[in-house]
Amino acid sequence: MAIFLPLLLTFYLSVFDETLIAFPPRGYTLSWYGQILDKFGEPIWTSFKVAITAVALGLCIGVPAGIGLSRYRFPGRDALNTLLLAPLTIPGVALGLGLYVLAIAIEIASGAPLSGSLGLLVGGHVLITLPWVVRLCLAGLVNHDRATEEAAASLGASPLRVIWRVTLPAMRPGIAAGALFAFVVSFENLDMTIFLVSPGMNTLPNAVLQYLTYHIDPLVAAVAVVQMVIIGGLLLVLDRFVRLVEVVR
């Protein structure tokens, strides 16, 4: 119940018929929800594009990395595992500032316009989402019996066919969970992103922060409610089809 209380309070605030939050309100309205796209449409689209791209690239790197770390023993395996998970241990502010300084240094040396570019923003989001993909892909293989892979290989299947027909289906819950967590982490990131956006490019969290500088109204609460409903719906749908609870419990 303690978990749902802040959610209910946020929804309650989002229907206040006030331009300045005050209690008790003079009335209630759903009009704030109709203003979300007008005020934050472009930042929402930017955040969505960056998150989808970061998830796609993260899966392209994280799924093979998860398979390699789980199924093979090779020199430098522990170092690679630590390197892939390192962004989880570094504050987002430090990551953002470090990437910004690196981009400026590359610009000075090569003249390539990196700072404030969409490519730099996507690269930073891949960096912070990759650990989630790797860890959850590894978790998806923890309870998988490798004997099925060995049986497929003994029947003549090539290594790539074994991965495609046996390993990846077994990893499906981990891949789905990793993609979902990566999307949420990317879409909601502020502390790193604030260093990487440019005046002509803004993400939703950064736009909300700027909006709160000059406004104290229920619009931000409405944005929060919509995000919670969408993410909660995705969790329920994915859990229905791929049983995420088996991975994240």
Protein backbone atom coordinates (compact mmCIF):
# COMPACT_ATOMS: atom_id res chain seq x y z
CA MET A 1 0.00 0.00 0.00
CA ALA A 2 2.88 2.35 0.78
CA ILE A 3 4.11 1.89 -2.80
CA PHE A 4 0.79 2.96 -4.35
CA LEU A 5 0.19 5.96 -2.09
CA PRO A 6 2.63 8.29 -3.97
CA LEU A 7 1.11 7.13 -7.27
CA LEU A 8 -2.40 7.94 -6.09
CA LEU A 9 -1.24 11.31 -4.79
CA THR A 10 0.38 12.12 -8.14
CA PHE A 11 -2.84 11.26 -9.98
CA TYR A 12 -4.82 13.36 -7.51
CA LEU A 13 -2.58 16.37 -8.15
CA SER A 14 -2.85 15.88 -11.92
CA VAL A 15 -6.59 16.62 -11.92
CA PHE A 16 -6.45 19.86 -9.93
CA ASP A 17 -8.23 22.71 -11.73
CA GLU A 18 -5.54 25.19 -10.67
CA THR A 19 -2.73 27.00 -12.48
CA LEU A 20 -0.83 27.07 -9.18
CA ILE A 21 -1.06 23.96 -7.02
CA ALA A 22 -3.08 24.77 -3.92
CA PHE A 23 -5.07 22.67 -1.48
CA PRO A 24 -7.94 22.25 -1.42
CA PRO A 25 -8.45 22.80 -5.18
CA ARG A 26 -11.35 24.82 -6.48
CA GLY A 27 -12.31 21.95 -8.78
CA TYR A 28 -11.08 19.05 -10.87
CA THR A 29 -10.29 18.67 -14.56
CA LEU A 30 -8.58 16.33 -17.02
CA SER A 31 -7.52 19.21 -19.28
CA TRP A 32 -3.87 18.95 -18.19
CA TYR A 33 -3.58 15.62 -19.99
CA GLY A 34 -4.64 17.27 -23.23
CA GLN A 35 -1.76 19.75 -22.94
CA ILE A 36 1.02 17.16 -22.68
CA LEU A 37 1.70 16.84 -26.40
CA ASP A 38 1.38 20.59 -26.95
CA LYS A 39 3.99 21.37 -24.30
CA PHE A 40 6.27 18.33 -24.51
CA GLY A 41 5.57 16.73 -27.90
CA GLU A 42 9.02 17.38 -29.40
CA PRO A 43 11.00 16.34 -26.27
CA ILE A 44 8.89 13.16 -26.00
CA TRP A 45 9.70 12.29 -29.61
CA THR A 46 13.41 12.97 -29.06
CA SER A 47 13.47 10.84 -25.90
CA PHE A 48 11.62 8.06 -27.72
CA LYS A 49 14.03 8.06 -30.68
CA VAL A 50 17.09 8.08 -28.43
CA ALA A 51 15.70 5.32 -26.18
CA ILE A 52 14.70 3.03 -29.07
CA THR A 53 18.08 3.48 -30.76
CA ALA A 54 19.94 2.91 -27.48
CA VAL A 55 17.91 -0.26 -26.83
CA ALA A 56 18.55 -1.60 -30.33
CA LEU A 57 22.30 -0.98 -30.13
CA GLY A 58 22.39 -2.26 -26.55
CA LEU A 59 20.75 -5.52 -27.61
CA CYS A 60 23.14 -5.91 -30.55
CA ILE A 61 26.07 -5.67 -28.12
CA GLY A 62 24.57 -7.06 -24.92
CA VAL A 63 22.98 -10.28 -26.20
CA PRO A 64 26.20 -11.64 -27.79
CA ALA A 65 28.13 -10.44 -24.73
CA GLY A 66 25.70 -12.25 -22.43
CA ILE A 67 26.04 -15.47 -24.42
CA GLY A 68 29.83 -15.22 -24.50
CA LEU A 69 30.18 -14.48 -20.79
CA SER A 70 27.75 -17.24 -19.86
CA ARG A 71 28.90 -20.01 -22.17
CA TYR A 72 32.64 -19.51 -22.69
CA ARG A 73 35.78 -19.19 -20.61
CA PHE A 74 38.52 -17.03 -22.12
CA PRO A 75 41.38 -14.77 -20.97
CA GLY A 76 40.08 -11.38 -19.84
CA ARG A 77 36.53 -12.65 -19.25
CA ASP A 78 36.29 -11.16 -15.76
CA ALA A 79 37.79 -7.87 -16.94
CA LEU A 80 35.28 -7.68 -19.81
CA ASN A 81 32.40 -8.41 -17.45
CA THR A 82 33.57 -5.66 -15.09
CA LEU A 83 34.00 -3.21 -17.98
CA LEU A 84 30.47 -3.85 -19.30
CA LEU A 85 28.96 -3.32 -15.84
CA ALA A 86 31.15 -0.34 -14.86
CA PRO A 87 28.62 2.37 -15.89
CA LEU A 88 26.34 1.17 -13.08
CA THR A 89 28.95 2.20 -10.50
CA ILE A 90 29.69 5.66 -11.92
CA PRO A 91 27.38 8.60 -11.13
CA GLY A 92 25.47 9.85 -14.15
CA VAL A 93 26.73 13.40 -13.62
CA ALA A 94 30.32 12.15 -13.85
CA LEU A 95 29.53 10.16 -17.00
CA GLY A 96 27.81 13.10 -18.66
CA LEU A 97 30.57 15.55 -17.81
CA GLY A 98 33.24 13.08 -18.90
CA LEU A 99 31.55 12.46 -22.26
CA TYR A 100 31.10 16.19 -22.81
CA VAL A 101 34.78 16.92 -22.08
CA LEU A 102 35.83 14.03 -24.34
CA ALA A 103 33.62 15.34 -27.16
CA ILE A 104 35.12 18.82 -26.85
CA ALA A 105 38.64 17.37 -26.91
CA ILE A 106 37.84 15.39 -30.08
CA GLU A 107 36.29 18.47 -31.67
CA ILE A 108 39.43 20.51 -30.98
CA ALA A 109 41.67 17.78 -32.38
CA SER A 110 39.65 16.78 -35.44
CA GLY A 111 37.03 19.48 -36.03
CA ALA A 112 34.21 16.89 -35.94
CA PRO A 113 31.03 18.46 -34.47
CA LEU A 114 30.38 16.04 -31.60
CA SER A 115 29.19 18.13 -28.67
CA GLY A 116 25.43 18.53 -28.67
CA SER A 117 24.99 15.98 -31.46
CA LEU A 118 22.37 13.24 -31.52
CA GLY A 119 25.10 10.65 -32.02
CA LEU A 120 26.84 11.63 -28.79
CA LEU A 121 23.53 11.53 -26.91
CA VAL A 122 22.71 8.06 -28.25
CA GLY A 123 26.23 6.83 -27.45
CA GLY A 124 25.90 8.02 -23.88
CA HIS A 125 22.55 6.27 -23.51
CA VAL A 126 23.96 3.03 -24.93
CA LEU A 127 26.66 3.27 -22.27
CA ILE A 128 24.16 3.46 -19.39
CA THR A 129 21.69 0.91 -20.78
CA LEU A 130 24.18 -1.79 -21.81
CA PRO A 131 24.79 -3.08 -18.24
CA TRP A 132 21.07 -3.78 -17.81
CA VAL A 133 20.91 -5.73 -21.06
CA VAL A 134 24.01 -7.78 -20.23
CA ARG A 135 22.98 -8.63 -16.67
CA LEU A 136 19.43 -9.61 -17.58
CA CYS A 137 20.58 -11.67 -20.56
CA LEU A 138 22.95 -13.49 -18.23
CA ALA A 139 20.09 -14.00 -15.79
CA GLY A 140 17.99 -15.46 -18.58
CA LEU A 141 20.54 -18.25 -19.05
CA VAL A 142 21.06 -19.07 -15.36
CA ASN A 143 18.33 -21.72 -15.19
CA HIS A 144 18.74 -22.94 -18.76
CA ASP A 145 20.08 -26.49 -19.06
CA ARG A 146 23.01 -26.44 -21.46
CA ALA A 147 22.36 -30.09 -22.28
CA THR A 148 19.76 -29.00 -24.83
CA GLU A 149 22.40 -27.02 -26.69
CA GLU A 150 24.79 -29.97 -26.57
CA ALA A 151 22.03 -32.25 -27.86
CA ALA A 152 21.34 -29.93 -30.78
CA ALA A 153 25.04 -29.79 -31.62
CA SER A 154 25.35 -33.58 -31.43
CA LEU A 155 22.52 -33.87 -33.96
CA GLY A 156 24.49 -31.84 -36.47
CA ALA A 157 23.38 -28.26 -35.82
CA SER A 158 26.06 -25.64 -36.43
CA PRO A 159 27.06 -23.33 -33.53
CA LEU A 160 25.13 -20.41 -35.05
CA ARG A 161 22.05 -22.61 -35.56
CA VAL A 162 22.26 -23.78 -31.94
CA ILE A 163 22.34 -20.18 -30.75
CA TRP A 164 19.46 -19.16 -33.03
CA ARG A 165 17.17 -22.14 -32.38
CA VAL A 166 18.03 -23.05 -28.76
CA THR A 167 19.97 -20.37 -26.87
CA LEU A 168 18.09 -17.25 -27.98
CA PRO A 169 14.62 -18.72 -27.29
CA ALA A 170 15.83 -19.65 -23.80
CA MET A 171 17.07 -16.06 -23.35
CA ARG A 172 13.79 -14.51 -24.51
CA PRO A 173 12.60 -13.44 -21.01
CA GLY A 174 16.02 -11.94 -20.25
CA ILE A 175 16.17 -10.13 -23.60
CA ALA A 176 12.65 -8.71 -23.12
CA ALA A 177 13.40 -7.62 -19.55
CA GLY A 178 16.73 -6.11 -20.60
CA ALA A 179 15.10 -4.17 -23.44
CA LEU A 180 12.36 -2.85 -21.15
CA PHE A 181 14.72 -1.79 -18.36
CA ALA A 182 17.09 -0.23 -20.90
CA PHE A 183 14.24 1.75 -22.48
CA VAL A 184 13.06 3.06 -19.10
CA VAL A 185 16.60 3.97 -17.99
CA SER A 186 17.25 5.82 -21.25
CA PHE A 187 13.87 7.55 -21.50
CA GLU A 188 13.98 8.79 -17.88
CA ASN A 189 17.66 9.74 -17.70
CA LEU A 190 18.41 13.32 -16.66
CA ASP A 191 21.68 13.52 -14.74
CA MET A 192 23.86 12.44 -17.70
CA THR A 193 21.66 13.77 -20.51
CA ILE A 194 21.69 17.33 -19.20
CA PHE A 195 25.35 17.62 -20.29
CA LEU A 196 24.76 16.15 -23.77
CA VAL A 197 21.71 18.03 -25.14
CA SER A 198 21.99 21.13 -27.28
CA PRO A 199 19.71 24.21 -27.55
CA GLY A 200 17.90 22.70 -30.54
CA MET A 201 17.52 19.25 -28.99
CA ASN A 202 15.80 18.42 -25.72
CA THR A 203 14.64 15.25 -23.99
CA LEU A 204 11.51 14.89 -21.88
CA PRO A 205 13.19 14.83 -18.42
CA ASN A 206 15.26 17.89 -19.26
CA ALA A 207 12.22 19.70 -20.69
CA VAL A 208 10.23 18.91 -17.53
CA LEU A 209 13.04 20.28 -15.37
CA GLN A 210 13.11 23.49 -17.40
CA TYR A 211 9.30 23.75 -17.22
CA LEU A 212 9.39 23.45 -13.41
CA THR A 213 11.74 26.42 -13.28
CA TYR A 214 8.89 28.76 -14.24
CA HIS A 215 5.68 26.80 -13.58
CA ILE A 216 4.15 25.04 -10.57
CA ASP A 217 1.02 23.49 -12.00
CA PRO A 218 -0.43 19.95 -12.34
CA LEU A 219 0.89 19.42 -15.88
CA VAL A 220 4.05 17.69 -14.68
CA ALA A 221 1.96 15.40 -12.47
CA ALA A 222 -0.11 14.49 -15.54
CA VAL A 223 3.08 13.66 -17.46
CA ALA A 224 4.22 11.43 -14.58
CA VAL A 225 0.88 9.60 -14.48
CA VAL A 226 0.94 8.90 -18.23
CA GLN A 227 4.48 7.56 -17.99
CA MET A 228 3.58 5.29 -15.06
CA VAL A 229 0.53 3.93 -16.87
CA ILE A 230 2.48 3.21 -20.07
CA ILE A 231 5.40 1.54 -18.27
CA GLY A 232 3.03 -0.45 -16.03
CA GLY A 233 1.08 -1.60 -19.08
CA LEU A 234 4.27 -2.70 -20.83
CA LEU A 235 5.32 -4.66 -17.76
CA LEU A 236 1.99 -6.47 -17.60
CA VAL A 237 1.98 -7.29 -21.32
CA LEU A 238 5.56 -8.53 -21.34
CA ASP A 239 5.06 -10.55 -18.16
CA ARG A 240 2.02 -12.16 -19.77
CA PHE A 241 4.00 -13.39 -22.76
CA VAL A 242 7.58 -13.88 -21.53
CA ARG A 243 7.16 -14.23 -17.73
CA LEU A 244 9.55 -11.50 -16.62
CA VAL A 245 9.16 -12.59 -13.01
CA GLU A 246 11.39 -15.59 -13.74
CA VAL A 247 14.24 -13.22 -14.65
CA VAL A 248 13.96 -10.34 -12.19
CA ARG A 249 12.89 -12.15 -9.02
